[in-house]
C-alpha cells in the first residue's frame, strides 16, 4: 500500500469508513514533515490493511482548520470512523508501529461507550 492525498472532498468519506486510517497533516516547507514522510511511507508498506492519507495543509487550509491543526506534522488516527489518536510532531518509525498496534488492539465497543458517557 502507499499513501494517498486527501482533500476536503474525500476526507470525511475516508476517515469515517471501517478499519484504521492514519492521516498525516504536513506542508512542503516543513522540515520535520519532510523527515516524517519516509517513515509514514514505509509504515504504509508494512501495514497494507491500513489506509495512510496525507493532507497538504497549504493546499487544504479549510480542512486543516476544520481538523484544528495548529502544528505540523500532526498525525491523526481513526478507527471505524472514530478519532482515537492525535499528536503533533514527527513520530519515530518504531513508535508509529506501536501506535498502529495499540489502535488494532482497541475494543471499539468500549471506546464508543466511553465517548457516549463523556460529558459534552
Protein backbone atom coordinates (compact mmCIF):
# COMPACT_ATOMS: atom_id res chain seq x y z
CA UNK A 1 0.00 0.00 0.00
CA UNK A 2 1.11 3.55 -0.40
CA UNK A 3 -0.06 6.88 0.90
CA UNK A 4 -2.83 8.83 -0.74
CA UNK A 5 -3.54 12.55 -0.85
CA UNK A 6 -6.71 13.57 0.96
CA UNK A 7 -8.72 16.68 0.20
CA UNK A 8 -11.80 18.35 1.65
CA UNK A 9 -13.79 16.45 -0.99
CA UNK A 10 -12.88 12.93 0.19
CA UNK A 11 -11.53 13.33 3.75
CA UNK A 12 -14.83 12.66 5.53
CA UNK A 13 -15.61 9.57 3.44
CA UNK A 14 -12.16 8.11 4.07
CA UNK A 15 -11.93 8.68 7.83
CA UNK A 16 -15.50 7.57 8.59
CA UNK A 17 -15.13 4.20 6.88
CA UNK A 18 -14.39 0.90 8.55
CA UNK A 19 -10.87 -0.01 9.56
CA UNK A 20 -7.83 2.03 10.52
CA UNK A 21 -6.94 5.31 8.82
CA UNK A 22 -3.78 7.29 9.58
CA UNK A 23 -3.69 10.90 8.41
CA UNK A 24 -0.52 12.98 8.22
CA UNK A 25 -1.10 16.74 8.11
CA UNK A 26 2.01 18.26 6.50
CA UNK A 27 3.46 21.04 4.33
CA UNK A 28 6.32 21.04 1.83
CA UNK A 29 8.18 23.86 3.65
CA UNK A 30 8.15 21.96 6.98
CA UNK A 31 11.47 20.25 7.80
CA UNK A 32 10.02 17.81 10.36
CA UNK A 33 7.26 16.95 7.86
CA UNK A 34 9.86 16.06 5.23
CA UNK A 35 11.70 13.92 7.80
CA UNK A 36 8.48 12.10 8.78
CA UNK A 37 7.34 11.46 5.19
CA UNK A 38 9.59 8.42 4.54
CA UNK A 39 8.68 6.94 7.94
CA UNK A 40 4.98 7.29 7.09
CA UNK A 41 5.51 5.83 3.60
CA UNK A 42 7.50 2.86 4.96
CA UNK A 43 4.77 2.12 7.51
CA UNK A 44 2.21 2.12 4.70
CA UNK A 45 4.21 -0.66 3.03
CA UNK A 46 4.38 -2.70 6.28
CA UNK A 47 0.66 -2.31 7.01
CA UNK A 48 -1.23 -2.83 3.73
CA UNK A 49 -4.55 -3.25 5.55
CA UNK A 50 -4.35 0.31 6.93
CA UNK A 51 -5.23 3.45 4.93
CA UNK A 52 -2.45 6.08 5.00
CA UNK A 53 -3.63 9.53 3.94
CA UNK A 54 -1.77 12.83 3.70
CA UNK A 55 -3.27 16.30 3.89
CA UNK A 56 -1.19 19.13 2.45
CA UNK A 57 -2.07 21.95 4.84
CA UNK A 58 -1.10 24.57 2.27
CA UNK A 59 -3.40 23.13 -0.40
CA UNK A 60 -6.21 22.28 2.05
CA UNK A 61 -6.38 25.17 4.54
CA UNK A 62 -10.12 24.72 5.19
CA UNK A 63 -9.64 21.06 6.02
CA UNK A 64 -6.67 21.82 8.26
CA UNK A 65 -8.68 24.48 10.10
CA UNK A 66 -11.68 22.17 10.50
CA UNK A 67 -9.39 19.48 11.95
CA UNK A 68 -7.94 22.01 14.41
CA UNK A 69 -4.39 21.64 13.13
CA UNK A 70 -2.11 24.09 14.95
CA UNK A 71 1.25 22.40 14.43
CA UNK A 72 2.68 20.20 11.70
CA UNK A 73 3.29 17.46 11.20
CA UNK A 74 0.25 16.20 13.06
CA UNK A 75 -0.74 12.55 12.99
CA UNK A 76 -4.38 11.59 13.45
CA UNK A 77 -5.58 8.01 13.64
CA UNK A 78 -9.18 6.95 13.09
CA UNK A 79 -10.65 3.51 13.63
CA UNK A 80 -14.10 2.66 12.36
CA UNK A 81 -14.88 6.35 11.99
CA UNK A 82 -13.72 7.37 15.48
CA UNK A 83 -10.72 9.61 16.12
CA UNK A 84 -8.63 7.56 18.57
CA UNK A 85 -5.24 9.32 18.43
CA UNK A 86 -3.97 12.79 17.57
CA UNK A 87 -0.46 14.06 18.16
CA UNK A 88 1.63 16.87 16.70
CA UNK A 89 5.28 16.20 15.86
CA UNK A 90 7.16 13.63 13.83
CA UNK A 91 6.72 10.09 15.15
CA UNK A 92 9.72 7.73 15.02
CA UNK A 93 9.38 4.53 12.99
CA UNK A 94 9.08 2.12 15.93
CA UNK A 95 6.67 4.44 17.76
CA UNK A 96 4.43 4.59 14.67
CA UNK A 97 4.26 0.79 14.63
CA UNK A 98 3.39 0.86 18.34
CA UNK A 99 0.56 3.33 17.71
CA UNK A 100 -0.81 1.10 14.94
CA UNK A 101 -0.58 -1.98 17.19
CA UNK A 102 -2.36 -0.14 20.01
CA UNK A 103 -5.14 1.01 17.69
CA UNK A 104 -5.54 -2.56 16.35
CA UNK A 105 -5.95 -3.74 19.95
CA UNK A 106 -8.68 -1.28 20.88
CA UNK A 107 -12.06 -2.61 21.98
CA UNK A 108 -14.16 -0.27 19.86
CA UNK A 109 -17.37 -1.09 21.74
CA UNK A 110 -15.66 0.14 24.92
CA UNK A 111 -14.32 3.23 23.11
CA UNK A 112 -17.80 4.11 21.82
CA UNK A 113 -19.33 3.55 25.27
CA UNK A 114 -16.72 5.83 26.81
CA UNK A 115 -17.44 8.53 24.22
CA UNK A 116 -21.19 8.25 24.85
CA UNK A 117 -20.67 8.61 28.60
CA UNK A 118 -18.31 11.59 28.33
CA UNK A 119 -19.76 14.99 29.22
CA UNK A 120 -20.27 17.25 26.23
